[in-house]
Amino acid sequence: MRVLPAAATPRKHFSGAAIALSLAAWGLCAMSAAEVRALVNDASAVGASARGWRTLRRWADDVRSGWLFAMEALRQLPEGRRAVAARAGQVLASYAPRADAELPVSHQAFVGALHVA
């Protein structure tokens, strides 16, 4: 038996909230993959992904397939991974409480993901 925190995402190294923050920052805030990685990932070793962060593309593919954030609002998605990330960020930000409306949209997606997990 494996016990994980409630916010943990199965088979992922990041919580759903951290993934939501990443997708929103990449898709909605037009941050580069390297900037998103610096914001979210605490690993100092970059290695093979020095030009960006392939994980963002994987997460966008997981959203498209319905494996990650399987929600009715994310069934019909636009073309392109960054567009998928933007749509996921919008949907998850919509779940943030009104009290967080002044936060940047990427942070609203983070908080919103905590409410749908």
N, C-alpha and C. Protein backbone atom coordinates (compact mmCIF):
# COMPACT_ATOMS: atom_id res chain seq x y z
N MET A 1 0.84 -1.17 0.00
CA MET A 1 0.00 0.00 0.00
C MET A 1 0.89 1.23 0.00
N ARG A 2 0.51 2.22 -0.79
CA ARG A 2 1.25 3.47 -0.86
C ARG A 2 0.32 4.59 -0.45
N VAL A 3 0.76 5.43 0.45
CA VAL A 3 -0.03 6.55 0.93
C VAL A 3 0.61 7.84 0.45
N LEU A 4 -0.17 8.67 -0.21
CA LEU A 4 0.31 9.94 -0.74
C LEU A 4 -0.52 11.07 -0.16
N PRO A 5 0.02 12.28 -0.15
CA PRO A 5 -0.79 13.43 0.26
C PRO A 5 -1.97 13.62 -0.70
N ALA A 6 -3.02 14.23 -0.24
CA ALA A 6 -4.22 14.42 -1.06
C ALA A 6 -3.93 15.21 -2.33
N ALA A 7 -2.98 16.12 -2.28
CA ALA A 7 -2.68 16.95 -3.44
C ALA A 7 -1.79 16.26 -4.46
N ALA A 8 -1.26 15.09 -4.15
CA ALA A 8 -0.36 14.39 -5.06
C ALA A 8 -1.13 13.90 -6.28
N THR A 9 -0.45 13.94 -7.41
CA THR A 9 -1.02 13.44 -8.65
C THR A 9 -0.40 12.08 -8.92
N PRO A 10 -1.23 11.05 -9.14
CA PRO A 10 -0.69 9.71 -9.35
C PRO A 10 0.31 9.66 -10.51
N ARG A 11 1.41 8.97 -10.30
CA ARG A 11 2.47 8.75 -11.29
C ARG A 11 3.12 10.04 -11.79
N LYS A 12 3.06 11.09 -11.00
CA LYS A 12 3.72 12.36 -11.35
C LYS A 12 4.61 12.78 -10.18
N HIS A 13 5.64 13.52 -10.48
CA HIS A 13 6.54 14.01 -9.44
C HIS A 13 6.08 15.34 -8.86
N PHE A 14 5.03 15.92 -9.44
CA PHE A 14 4.52 17.21 -9.02
C PHE A 14 3.06 17.09 -8.63
N SER A 15 2.62 17.98 -7.77
CA SER A 15 1.21 18.00 -7.38
C SER A 15 0.38 18.55 -8.54
N GLY A 16 -0.92 18.29 -8.49
CA GLY A 16 -1.81 18.83 -9.50
C GLY A 16 -1.78 20.35 -9.52
N ALA A 17 -1.63 20.95 -8.36
CA ALA A 17 -1.58 22.41 -8.28
C ALA A 17 -0.32 22.94 -8.96
N ALA A 18 0.81 22.29 -8.77
CA ALA A 18 2.05 22.72 -9.42
C ALA A 18 1.96 22.53 -10.93
N ILE A 19 1.33 21.46 -11.36
CA ILE A 19 1.13 21.23 -12.80
C ILE A 19 0.22 22.31 -13.38
N ALA A 20 -0.85 22.65 -12.66
CA ALA A 20 -1.77 23.70 -13.12
C ALA A 20 -1.04 25.04 -13.23
N LEU A 21 -0.24 25.38 -12.23
CA LEU A 21 0.55 26.61 -12.26
C LEU A 21 1.46 26.61 -13.48
N SER A 22 2.11 25.51 -13.73
CA SER A 22 3.03 25.40 -14.87
C SER A 22 2.32 25.57 -16.20
N LEU A 23 1.21 24.85 -16.37
CA LEU A 23 0.47 24.94 -17.63
C LEU A 23 -0.06 26.35 -17.87
N ALA A 24 -0.58 26.98 -16.82
CA ALA A 24 -1.12 28.34 -16.96
C ALA A 24 0.00 29.34 -17.26
N ALA A 25 1.12 29.21 -16.58
CA ALA A 25 2.24 30.13 -16.83
C ALA A 25 2.75 29.98 -18.26
N TRP A 26 2.81 28.75 -18.75
CA TRP A 26 3.29 28.49 -20.10
C TRP A 26 2.26 28.89 -21.15
N GLY A 27 1.00 28.52 -20.92
CA GLY A 27 -0.03 28.76 -21.93
C GLY A 27 -0.65 30.14 -21.89
N LEU A 28 -0.89 30.68 -20.71
CA LEU A 28 -1.60 31.96 -20.59
C LEU A 28 -0.67 33.15 -20.39
N CYS A 29 0.40 32.95 -19.66
CA CYS A 29 1.30 34.06 -19.33
C CYS A 29 2.48 34.16 -20.30
N ALA A 30 2.51 33.29 -21.29
CA ALA A 30 3.53 33.30 -22.35
C ALA A 30 4.95 33.20 -21.82
N MET A 31 5.11 32.52 -20.71
CA MET A 31 6.46 32.28 -20.19
C MET A 31 7.09 31.16 -21.01
N SER A 32 8.39 31.22 -21.16
CA SER A 32 9.08 30.15 -21.87
C SER A 32 9.11 28.91 -20.98
N ALA A 33 9.37 27.78 -21.59
CA ALA A 33 9.45 26.54 -20.82
C ALA A 33 10.57 26.62 -19.77
N ALA A 34 11.68 27.25 -20.12
CA ALA A 34 12.78 27.39 -19.17
C ALA A 34 12.37 28.28 -17.99
N GLU A 35 11.61 29.34 -18.26
CA GLU A 35 11.15 30.21 -17.18
C GLU A 35 10.18 29.48 -16.26
N VAL A 36 9.30 28.68 -16.85
CA VAL A 36 8.35 27.91 -16.04
C VAL A 36 9.10 26.90 -15.19
N ARG A 37 10.07 26.25 -15.78
CA ARG A 37 10.87 25.29 -15.01
C ARG A 37 11.54 25.96 -13.82
N ALA A 38 12.11 27.14 -14.03
CA ALA A 38 12.77 27.86 -12.93
C ALA A 38 11.77 28.26 -11.85
N LEU A 39 10.53 28.53 -12.26
CA LEU A 39 9.49 28.93 -11.31
C LEU A 39 9.02 27.75 -10.46
N VAL A 40 8.88 26.58 -11.07
CA VAL A 40 8.22 25.46 -10.42
C VAL A 40 9.17 24.38 -9.93
N ASN A 41 10.20 24.09 -10.67
CA ASN A 41 11.08 22.96 -10.38
C ASN A 41 12.25 23.43 -9.51
N ASP A 42 12.46 22.77 -8.39
CA ASP A 42 13.55 23.16 -7.51
C ASP A 42 14.86 22.45 -7.83
N ALA A 43 14.87 21.61 -8.84
CA ALA A 43 16.10 20.90 -9.21
C ALA A 43 17.07 21.86 -9.89
N SER A 44 18.28 21.90 -9.39
CA SER A 44 19.26 22.81 -9.97
C SER A 44 19.94 22.20 -11.20
N ALA A 45 19.98 20.89 -11.29
CA ALA A 45 20.59 20.23 -12.45
C ALA A 45 19.59 20.21 -13.60
N VAL A 46 19.99 20.76 -14.72
CA VAL A 46 19.09 20.87 -15.86
C VAL A 46 19.28 19.71 -16.83
N GLY A 47 20.49 19.33 -17.12
CA GLY A 47 20.76 18.18 -17.97
C GLY A 47 20.28 18.34 -19.40
N ALA A 48 19.66 17.30 -19.93
CA ALA A 48 19.28 17.25 -21.35
C ALA A 48 18.22 18.27 -21.73
N SER A 49 17.49 18.77 -20.77
CA SER A 49 16.40 19.70 -21.11
C SER A 49 16.81 21.15 -20.89
N ALA A 50 18.07 21.48 -21.12
CA ALA A 50 18.58 22.83 -20.87
C ALA A 50 17.89 23.90 -21.70
N ARG A 51 17.33 23.52 -22.83
CA ARG A 51 16.66 24.51 -23.68
C ARG A 51 15.21 24.76 -23.29
N GLY A 52 14.67 24.00 -22.43
CA GLY A 52 13.26 24.15 -22.06
C GLY A 52 12.89 23.12 -21.02
N TRP A 53 11.67 22.64 -21.15
CA TRP A 53 11.20 21.65 -20.18
C TRP A 53 10.21 20.75 -20.89
N ARG A 54 10.65 19.59 -21.31
CA ARG A 54 9.81 18.65 -22.05
C ARG A 54 8.59 18.21 -21.25
N THR A 55 8.69 18.29 -19.94
CA THR A 55 7.59 17.87 -19.08
C THR A 55 6.32 18.66 -19.37
N LEU A 56 6.44 19.93 -19.72
CA LEU A 56 5.25 20.73 -20.06
C LEU A 56 4.51 20.12 -21.24
N ARG A 57 5.25 19.70 -22.24
CA ARG A 57 4.60 19.08 -23.40
C ARG A 57 3.93 17.77 -23.02
N ARG A 58 4.57 17.00 -22.15
CA ARG A 58 3.97 15.75 -21.69
C ARG A 58 2.68 16.02 -20.93
N TRP A 59 2.70 17.02 -20.07
CA TRP A 59 1.48 17.35 -19.30
C TRP A 59 0.37 17.82 -20.23
N ALA A 60 0.70 18.61 -21.23
CA ALA A 60 -0.32 19.04 -22.19
C ALA A 60 -0.90 17.83 -22.92
N ASP A 61 -0.06 16.87 -23.28
CA ASP A 61 -0.55 15.65 -23.92
C ASP A 61 -1.44 14.86 -22.96
N ASP A 62 -1.09 14.83 -21.68
CA ASP A 62 -1.91 14.13 -20.68
C ASP A 62 -3.26 14.81 -20.50
N VAL A 63 -3.29 16.13 -20.57
CA VAL A 63 -4.57 16.84 -20.50
C VAL A 63 -5.41 16.48 -21.71
N ARG A 64 -4.80 16.50 -22.88
CA ARG A 64 -5.53 16.19 -24.12
C ARG A 64 -6.10 14.77 -24.07
N SER A 65 -5.35 13.83 -23.56
CA SER A 65 -5.80 12.44 -23.52
C SER A 65 -6.86 12.19 -22.45
N GLY A 66 -7.03 13.15 -21.54
CA GLY A 66 -8.01 12.99 -20.47
C GLY A 66 -7.45 12.33 -19.23
N TRP A 67 -6.15 12.01 -19.25
CA TRP A 67 -5.55 11.36 -18.10
C TRP A 67 -5.31 12.35 -16.97
N LEU A 68 -5.00 13.58 -17.30
CA LEU A 68 -4.70 14.61 -16.31
C LEU A 68 -5.80 15.66 -16.35
N PHE A 69 -6.38 15.97 -15.20
CA PHE A 69 -7.49 16.93 -15.08
C PHE A 69 -8.64 16.52 -16.00
N ALA A 70 -9.10 15.31 -15.83
CA ALA A 70 -10.22 14.81 -16.64
C ALA A 70 -11.49 15.51 -16.21
N MET A 71 -11.87 16.53 -16.95
CA MET A 71 -13.05 17.34 -16.64
C MET A 71 -13.84 17.55 -17.92
N GLU A 72 -15.11 17.72 -17.78
CA GLU A 72 -15.97 17.95 -18.94
C GLU A 72 -15.50 19.16 -19.75
N ALA A 73 -15.09 20.22 -19.07
CA ALA A 73 -14.67 21.45 -19.75
C ALA A 73 -13.37 21.26 -20.55
N LEU A 74 -12.68 20.16 -20.34
CA LEU A 74 -11.43 19.93 -21.06
C LEU A 74 -11.55 18.79 -22.07
N ARG A 75 -12.74 18.53 -22.53
CA ARG A 75 -12.92 17.46 -23.52
C ARG A 75 -12.64 17.92 -24.94
N GLN A 76 -13.10 19.08 -25.30
CA GLN A 76 -12.85 19.60 -26.64
C GLN A 76 -11.78 20.67 -26.54
N LEU A 77 -10.60 20.33 -27.00
CA LEU A 77 -9.45 21.20 -26.83
C LEU A 77 -8.93 21.70 -28.16
N PRO A 78 -8.29 22.87 -28.15
CA PRO A 78 -7.71 23.40 -29.39
C PRO A 78 -6.49 22.61 -29.82
N GLU A 79 -6.01 22.89 -31.00
CA GLU A 79 -4.79 22.26 -31.50
C GLU A 79 -3.58 22.92 -30.87
N GLY A 80 -2.53 22.18 -30.72
CA GLY A 80 -1.28 22.71 -30.19
C GLY A 80 -1.18 22.56 -28.68
N ARG A 81 -0.01 22.18 -28.24
CA ARG A 81 0.18 21.92 -26.81
C ARG A 81 0.06 23.18 -25.97
N ARG A 82 0.60 24.29 -26.45
CA ARG A 82 0.52 25.52 -25.67
C ARG A 82 -0.92 25.99 -25.55
N ALA A 83 -1.71 25.79 -26.59
CA ALA A 83 -3.13 26.15 -26.54
C ALA A 83 -3.88 25.25 -25.57
N VAL A 84 -3.52 23.98 -25.52
CA VAL A 84 -4.12 23.05 -24.55
C VAL A 84 -3.76 23.51 -23.14
N ALA A 85 -2.50 23.89 -22.93
CA ALA A 85 -2.06 24.37 -21.62
C ALA A 85 -2.83 25.63 -21.22
N ALA A 86 -3.05 26.52 -22.17
CA ALA A 86 -3.80 27.74 -21.88
C ALA A 86 -5.24 27.42 -21.49
N ARG A 87 -5.86 26.52 -22.22
CA ARG A 87 -7.25 26.15 -21.90
C ARG A 87 -7.34 25.49 -20.53
N ALA A 88 -6.40 24.61 -20.22
CA ALA A 88 -6.38 23.96 -18.90
C ALA A 88 -6.19 25.00 -17.81
N GLY A 89 -5.30 25.96 -18.05
CA GLY A 89 -5.08 27.03 -17.08
C GLY A 89 -6.33 27.86 -16.85
N GLN A 90 -7.05 28.18 -17.93
CA GLN A 90 -8.30 28.95 -17.81
C GLN A 90 -9.34 28.19 -17.01
N VAL A 91 -9.52 26.94 -17.34
CA VAL A 91 -10.53 26.13 -16.66
C VAL A 91 -10.20 25.99 -15.18
N LEU A 92 -8.96 25.67 -14.87
CA LEU A 92 -8.57 25.49 -13.47
C LEU A 92 -8.63 26.81 -12.70
N ALA A 93 -8.26 27.91 -13.33
CA ALA A 93 -8.35 29.21 -12.66
C ALA A 93 -9.79 29.56 -12.32
N SER A 94 -10.73 29.05 -13.10
CA SER A 94 -12.14 29.35 -12.83
C SER A 94 -12.63 28.71 -11.54
N TYR A 95 -11.89 27.76 -11.01
CA TYR A 95 -12.26 27.11 -9.75
C TYR A 95 -11.68 27.82 -8.52
N ALA A 96 -10.87 28.83 -8.73
CA ALA A 96 -10.29 29.57 -7.61
C ALA A 96 -11.38 30.42 -6.96
N PRO A 97 -11.35 30.56 -5.65
CA PRO A 97 -12.34 31.40 -4.97
C PRO A 97 -12.23 32.87 -5.41
N ARG A 98 -13.31 33.58 -5.27
CA ARG A 98 -13.32 35.00 -5.66
C ARG A 98 -12.29 35.81 -4.90
N ALA A 99 -11.97 35.40 -3.69
CA ALA A 99 -10.99 36.12 -2.89
C ALA A 99 -9.62 36.14 -3.55
N ASP A 100 -9.37 35.22 -4.45
CA ASP A 100 -8.08 35.13 -5.14
C ASP A 100 -8.10 35.79 -6.52
N ALA A 101 -9.12 36.55 -6.82
CA ALA A 101 -9.27 37.15 -8.15
C ALA A 101 -8.16 38.16 -8.47
N GLU A 102 -7.50 38.70 -7.48
CA GLU A 102 -6.43 39.66 -7.71
C GLU A 102 -5.09 39.00 -8.02
N LEU A 103 -5.00 37.70 -7.80
CA LEU A 103 -3.75 36.98 -8.08
C LEU A 103 -3.53 36.87 -9.59
N PRO A 104 -2.28 36.68 -10.01
CA PRO A 104 -2.04 36.38 -11.43
C PRO A 104 -2.79 35.10 -11.82
N VAL A 105 -3.17 35.00 -13.07
CA VAL A 105 -3.99 33.88 -13.52
C VAL A 105 -3.29 32.53 -13.28
N SER A 106 -1.98 32.51 -13.37
CA SER A 106 -1.27 31.25 -13.12
C SER A 106 -1.44 30.81 -11.67
N HIS A 107 -1.45 31.76 -10.76
CA HIS A 107 -1.65 31.44 -9.35
C HIS A 107 -3.11 31.06 -9.07
N GLN A 108 -4.02 31.67 -9.81
CA GLN A 108 -5.43 31.27 -9.69
C GLN A 108 -5.60 29.83 -10.14
N ALA A 109 -4.89 29.43 -11.19
CA ALA A 109 -4.96 28.03 -11.65
C ALA A 109 -4.41 27.10 -10.57
N PHE A 110 -3.35 27.51 -9.89
CA PHE A 110 -2.78 26.73 -8.80
C PHE A 110 -3.83 26.51 -7.72
N VAL A 111 -4.47 27.58 -7.28
CA VAL A 111 -5.48 27.50 -6.23
C VAL A 111 -6.70 26.72 -6.72
N GLY A 112 -7.11 26.95 -7.96
CA GLY A 112 -8.24 26.24 -8.53
C GLY A 112 -8.02 24.75 -8.57
N ALA A 113 -6.80 24.34 -8.90
CA ALA A 113 -6.48 22.90 -8.96
C ALA A 113 -6.61 22.27 -7.58
N LEU A 114 -6.36 23.02 -6.54
CA LEU A 114 -6.53 22.48 -5.19
C LEU A 114 -8.00 22.18 -4.89
N HIS A 115 -8.89 22.89 -5.56
CA HIS A 115 -10.32 22.68 -5.33
C HIS A 115 -10.93 21.57 -6.19
N VAL A 116 -10.22 21.15 -7.22
CA VAL A 116 -10.76 20.07 -8.06
C VAL A 116 -10.06 18.75 -7.82
N ALA A 117 -8.96 18.77 -7.07
CA ALA A 117 -8.21 17.53 -6.83
C ALA A 117 -8.96 16.60 -5.91
